[in-house]
Amino acid sequence: MGARRLGLLLRKGGGIILAVGGIWLVVGALPHFLWPLALGVLSIWFGWQLYIFERY
């Protein structure tokens, strides 16, 4: 039971870190144009998907 809870915590924590990193990339990349912006949006989406992922 403890390993399951730890896995859930690590997955949600990883999702939050990826989402924050993606937001940072988007905000920092707006003047630099498209590649970092796209990478940031992808990081936000992937981080959110990782955060909401539930294992059954």
PDB file of N, CA and C in Angstrom:
ATOM      1  N   MET A   1       0.826  -1.185   0.000  1.00  0.00           N
ATOM      2  CA  MET A   1       0.000   0.000   0.000  1.00  0.00           C
ATOM      3  C   MET A   1       0.874   1.254   0.000  1.00  0.00           C
ATOM      4  N   GLY A   2       1.968   1.228   0.753  1.00  0.00           N
ATOM      5  CA  GLY A   2       2.851   2.387   0.823  1.00  0.00           C
ATOM      6  C   GLY A   2       3.567   2.646  -0.484  1.00  0.00           C
ATOM      7  N   ALA A   3       3.951   1.579  -1.187  1.00  0.00           N
ATOM      8  CA  ALA A   3       4.639   1.735  -2.473  1.00  0.00           C
ATOM      9  C   ALA A   3       3.694   2.334  -3.505  1.00  0.00           C
ATOM     10  N   ARG A   4       2.428   1.953  -3.440  1.00  0.00           N
ATOM     11  CA  ARG A   4       1.434   2.494  -4.373  1.00  0.00           C
ATOM     12  C   ARG A   4       1.244   4.001  -4.153  1.00  0.00           C
ATOM     13  N   ARG A   5       1.154   4.380  -2.884  1.00  0.00           N
ATOM     14  CA  ARG A   5       0.990   5.790  -2.547  1.00  0.00           C
ATOM     15  C   ARG A   5       2.225   6.595  -2.949  1.00  0.00           C
ATOM     16  N   LEU A   6       3.410   6.017  -2.741  1.00  0.00           N
ATOM     17  CA  LEU A   6       4.650   6.681  -3.133  1.00  0.00           C
ATOM     18  C   LEU A   6       4.717   6.856  -4.642  1.00  0.00           C
ATOM     19  N   GLY A   7       4.305   5.821  -5.392  1.00  0.00           N
ATOM     20  CA  GLY A   7       4.279   5.923  -6.852  1.00  0.00           C
ATOM     21  C   GLY A   7       3.340   7.016  -7.321  1.00  0.00           C
ATOM     22  N   LEU A   8       2.181   7.115  -6.699  1.00  0.00           N
ATOM     23  CA  LEU A   8       1.217   8.161  -7.046  1.00  0.00           C
ATOM     24  C   LEU A   8       1.795   9.540  -6.747  1.00  0.00           C
ATOM     25  N   LEU A   9       2.442   9.678  -5.603  1.00  0.00           N
ATOM     26  CA  LEU A   9       3.053  10.950  -5.223  1.00  0.00           C
ATOM     27  C   LEU A   9       4.165  11.337  -6.199  1.00  0.00           C
ATOM     28  N   LEU A  10       4.998  10.374  -6.585  1.00  0.00           N
ATOM     29  CA  LEU A  10       6.077  10.657  -7.528  1.00  0.00           C
ATOM     30  C   LEU A  10       5.533  11.039  -8.901  1.00  0.00           C
ATOM     31  N   ARG A  11       4.485  10.358  -9.350  1.00  0.00           N
ATOM     32  CA  ARG A  11       3.890  10.658 -10.651  1.00  0.00           C
ATOM     33  C   ARG A  11       3.264  12.059 -10.662  1.00  0.00           C
ATOM     34  N   LYS A  12       2.528  12.381  -9.620  1.00  0.00           N
ATOM     35  CA  LYS A  12       1.913  13.713  -9.545  1.00  0.00           C
ATOM     36  C   LYS A  12       2.968  14.799  -9.385  1.00  0.00           C
ATOM     37  N   GLY A  13       3.990  14.531  -8.583  1.00  0.00           N
ATOM     38  CA  GLY A  13       5.083  15.494  -8.420  1.00  0.00           C
ATOM     39  C   GLY A  13       5.816  15.725  -9.735  1.00  0.00           C
ATOM     40  N   GLY A  14       6.067  14.645 -10.466  1.00  0.00           N
ATOM     41  CA  GLY A  14       6.696  14.771 -11.784  1.00  0.00           C
ATOM     42  C   GLY A  14       5.836  15.560 -12.749  1.00  0.00           C
ATOM     43  N   GLY A  15       4.541  15.350 -12.689  1.00  0.00           N
ATOM     44  CA  GLY A  15       3.625  16.105 -13.547  1.00  0.00           C
ATOM     45  C   GLY A  15       3.642  17.590 -13.234  1.00  0.00           C
ATOM     46  N   ILE A  16       3.671  17.919 -11.963  1.00  0.00           N
ATOM     47  CA  ILE A  16       3.723  19.328 -11.566  1.00  0.00           C
ATOM     48  C   ILE A  16       5.028  19.966 -12.017  1.00  0.00           C
ATOM     49  N   ILE A  17       6.138  19.256 -11.833  1.00  0.00           N
ATOM     50  CA  ILE A  17       7.441  19.796 -12.248  1.00  0.00           C
ATOM     51  C   ILE A  17       7.483  20.025 -13.752  1.00  0.00           C
ATOM     52  N   LEU A  18       6.968  19.069 -14.531  1.00  0.00           N
ATOM     53  CA  LEU A  18       6.942  19.244 -15.986  1.00  0.00           C
ATOM     54  C   LEU A  18       6.037  20.403 -16.397  1.00  0.00           C
ATOM     55  N   ALA A  19       4.898  20.544 -15.749  1.00  0.00           N
ATOM     56  CA  ALA A  19       3.987  21.635 -16.089  1.00  0.00           C
ATOM     57  C   ALA A  19       4.616  22.992 -15.764  1.00  0.00           C
ATOM     58  N   VAL A  20       5.239  23.117 -14.602  1.00  0.00           N
ATOM     59  CA  VAL A  20       5.893  24.379 -14.231  1.00  0.00           C
ATOM     60  C   VAL A  20       7.049  24.674 -15.182  1.00  0.00           C
ATOM     61  N   GLY A  21       7.825  23.646 -15.521  1.00  0.00           N
ATOM     62  CA  GLY A  21       8.911  23.835 -16.484  1.00  0.00           C
ATOM     63  C   GLY A  21       8.380  24.268 -17.840  1.00  0.00           C
ATOM     64  N   GLY A  22       7.264  23.699 -18.254  1.00  0.00           N
ATOM     65  CA  GLY A  22       6.655  24.090 -19.525  1.00  0.00           C
ATOM     66  C   GLY A  22       6.170  25.532 -19.505  1.00  0.00           C
ATOM     67  N   ILE A  23       5.549  25.935 -18.422  1.00  0.00           N
ATOM     68  CA  ILE A  23       5.101  27.330 -18.302  1.00  0.00           C
ATOM     69  C   ILE A  23       6.301  28.270 -18.343  1.00  0.00           C
ATOM     70  N   TRP A  24       7.362  27.897 -17.656  1.00  0.00           N
ATOM     71  CA  TRP A  24       8.575  28.726 -17.648  1.00  0.00           C
ATOM     72  C   TRP A  24       9.133  28.857 -19.061  1.00  0.00           C
ATOM     73  N   LEU A  25       9.145  27.753 -19.810  1.00  0.00           N
ATOM     74  CA  LEU A  25       9.633  27.805 -21.194  1.00  0.00           C
ATOM     75  C   LEU A  25       8.764  28.705 -22.063  1.00  0.00           C
ATOM     76  N   VAL A  26       7.451  28.601 -21.915  1.00  0.00           N
ATOM     77  CA  VAL A  26       6.544  29.421 -22.728  1.00  0.00           C
ATOM     78  C   VAL A  26       6.752  30.894 -22.424  1.00  0.00           C
ATOM     79  N   VAL A  27       6.775  31.253 -21.158  1.00  0.00           N
ATOM     80  CA  VAL A  27       6.929  32.662 -20.781  1.00  0.00           C
ATOM     81  C   VAL A  27       8.292  33.197 -21.218  1.00  0.00           C
ATOM     82  N   GLY A  28       9.327  32.414 -21.030  1.00  0.00           N
ATOM     83  CA  GLY A  28      10.663  32.855 -21.397  1.00  0.00           C
ATOM     84  C   GLY A  28      10.920  32.861 -22.892  1.00  0.00           C
ATOM     85  N   ALA A  29      10.143  32.101 -23.655  1.00  0.00           N
ATOM     86  CA  ALA A  29      10.428  31.929 -25.076  1.00  0.00           C
ATOM     87  C   ALA A  29       9.577  32.807 -25.984  1.00  0.00           C
ATOM     88  N   LEU A  30       8.643  33.533 -25.464  1.00  0.00           N
ATOM     89  CA  LEU A  30       7.774  34.310 -26.344  1.00  0.00           C
ATOM     90  C   LEU A  30       8.540  35.198 -27.328  1.00  0.00           C
ATOM     91  N   PRO A  31       9.577  35.935 -26.923  1.00  0.00           N
ATOM     92  CA  PRO A  31      10.292  36.743 -27.910  1.00  0.00           C
ATOM     93  C   PRO A  31      11.172  35.916 -28.850  1.00  0.00           C
ATOM     94  N   HIS A  32      11.575  34.735 -28.454  1.00  0.00           N
ATOM     95  CA  HIS A  32      12.502  33.930 -29.250  1.00  0.00           C
ATOM     96  C   HIS A  32      11.836  33.137 -30.356  1.00  0.00           C
ATOM     97  N   PHE A  33      10.549  33.132 -30.384  1.00  0.00           N
ATOM     98  CA  PHE A  33       9.733  32.553 -31.452  1.00  0.00           C
ATOM     99  C   PHE A  33       9.246  31.139 -31.222  1.00  0.00           C
ATOM    100  N   LEU A  34       9.227  30.327 -32.214  1.00  0.00           N
ATOM    101  CA  LEU A  34       8.351  29.160 -32.223  1.00  0.00           C
ATOM    102  C   LEU A  34       8.876  27.895 -31.543  1.00  0.00           C
ATOM    103  N   TRP A  35      10.099  27.504 -31.740  1.00  0.00           N
ATOM    104  CA  TRP A  35      10.574  26.212 -31.220  1.00  0.00           C
ATOM    105  C   TRP A  35      10.452  26.115 -29.711  1.00  0.00           C
ATOM    106  N   PRO A  36      10.985  27.041 -28.929  1.00  0.00           N
ATOM    107  CA  PRO A  36      10.820  26.921 -27.471  1.00  0.00           C
ATOM    108  C   PRO A  36       9.359  27.042 -27.033  1.00  0.00           C
ATOM    109  N   LEU A  37       8.574  27.812 -27.762  1.00  0.00           N
ATOM    110  CA  LEU A  37       7.153  27.944 -27.431  1.00  0.00           C
ATOM    111  C   LEU A  37       6.442  26.600 -27.599  1.00  0.00           C
ATOM    112  N   ALA A  38       6.709  25.933 -28.709  1.00  0.00           N
ATOM    113  CA  ALA A  38       6.098  24.627 -28.949  1.00  0.00           C
ATOM    114  C   ALA A  38       6.559  23.606 -27.911  1.00  0.00           C
ATOM    115  N   LEU A  39       7.823  23.630 -27.559  1.00  0.00           N
ATOM    116  CA  LEU A  39       8.355  22.720 -26.551  1.00  0.00           C
ATOM    117  C   LEU A  39       7.707  22.981 -25.189  1.00  0.00           C
ATOM    118  N   GLY A  40       7.494  24.230 -24.864  1.00  0.00           N
ATOM    119  CA  GLY A  40       6.843  24.575 -23.608  1.00  0.00           C
ATOM    120  C   GLY A  40       5.400  24.109 -23.552  1.00  0.00           C
ATOM    121  N   VAL A  41       4.671  24.302 -24.647  1.00  0.00           N
ATOM    122  CA  VAL A  41       3.279  23.848 -24.701  1.00  0.00           C
ATOM    123  C   VAL A  41       3.215  22.325 -24.577  1.00  0.00           C
ATOM    124  N   LEU A  42       4.117  21.654 -25.255  1.00  0.00           N
ATOM    125  CA  LEU A  42       4.166  20.195 -25.169  1.00  0.00           C
ATOM    126  C   LEU A  42       4.496  19.746 -23.742  1.00  0.00           C
ATOM    127  N   SER A  43       5.402  20.432 -23.070  1.00  0.00           N
ATOM    128  CA  SER A  43       5.756  20.087 -21.692  1.00  0.00           C
ATOM    129  C   SER A  43       4.578  20.305 -20.746  1.00  0.00           C
ATOM    130  N   ILE A  44       3.829  21.385 -20.952  1.00  0.00           N
ATOM    131  CA  ILE A  44       2.648  21.633 -20.124  1.00  0.00           C
ATOM    132  C   ILE A  44       1.628  20.517 -20.322  1.00  0.00           C
ATOM    133  N   TRP A  45       1.370  20.157 -21.585  1.00  0.00           N
ATOM    134  CA  TRP A  45       0.389  19.119 -21.871  1.00  0.00           C
ATOM    135  C   TRP A  45       0.830  17.781 -21.293  1.00  0.00           C
ATOM    136  N   PHE A  46       2.099  17.415 -21.506  1.00  0.00           N
ATOM    137  CA  PHE A  46       2.599  16.132 -21.016  1.00  0.00           C
ATOM    138  C   PHE A  46       2.597  16.095 -19.488  1.00  0.00           C
ATOM    139  N   GLY A  47       2.979  17.186 -18.855  1.00  0.00           N
ATOM    140  CA  GLY A  47       2.965  17.250 -17.393  1.00  0.00           C
ATOM    141  C   GLY A  47       1.565  17.105 -16.834  1.00  0.00           C
ATOM    142  N   TRP A  48       0.586  17.723 -17.482  1.00  0.00           N
ATOM    143  CA  TRP A  48      -0.801  17.613 -17.030  1.00  0.00           C
ATOM    144  C   TRP A  48      -1.298  16.184 -17.211  1.00  0.00           C
ATOM    145  N   GLN A  49      -0.973  15.561 -18.337  1.00  0.00           N
ATOM    146  CA  GLN A  49      -1.382  14.178 -18.559  1.00  0.00           C
ATOM    147  C   GLN A  49      -0.770  13.253 -17.509  1.00  0.00           C
ATOM    148  N   LEU A  50       0.468  13.487 -17.161  1.00  0.00           N
ATOM    149  CA  LEU A  50       1.124  12.686 -16.134  1.00  0.00           C
ATOM    150  C   LEU A  50       0.492  12.925 -14.769  1.00  0.00           C
ATOM    151  N   TYR A  51       0.094  14.141 -14.499  1.00  0.00           N
ATOM    152  CA  TYR A  51      -0.514  14.485 -13.216  1.00  0.00           C
ATOM    153  C   TYR A  51      -1.893  13.821 -13.058  1.00  0.00           C
ATOM    154  N   ILE A  52      -2.700  13.788 -14.118  1.00  0.00           N
ATOM    155  CA  ILE A  52      -4.049  13.246 -13.998  1.00  0.00           C
ATOM    156  C   ILE A  52      -4.109  11.748 -14.256  1.00  0.00           C
ATOM    157  N   PHE A  53      -3.011  11.105 -14.633  1.00  0.00           N
ATOM    158  CA  PHE A  53      -2.996   9.687 -14.945  1.00  0.00           C
ATOM    159  C   PHE A  53      -3.269   8.878 -13.681  1.00  0.00           C
ATOM    160  N   GLU A  54      -4.238   7.998 -13.755  1.00  0.00           N
ATOM    161  CA  GLU A  54      -4.556   7.108 -12.637  1.00  0.00           C
ATOM    162  C   GLU A  54      -4.390   5.673 -13.097  1.00  0.00           C
ATOM    163  N   ARG A  55      -3.754   4.861 -12.294  1.00  0.00           N
ATOM    164  CA  ARG A  55      -3.581   3.444 -12.608  1.00  0.00           C
ATOM    165  C   ARG A  55      -4.659   2.629 -11.952  1.00  0.00           C
ATOM    166  N   TYR A  56      -5.241   1.725 -12.691  1.00  0.00           N
ATOM    167  CA  TYR A  56      -6.266   0.841 -12.144  1.00  0.00           C
ATOM    168  C   TYR A  56      -5.782  -0.592 -12.149  1.00  0.00           C
TER     169      TYR A  56
END
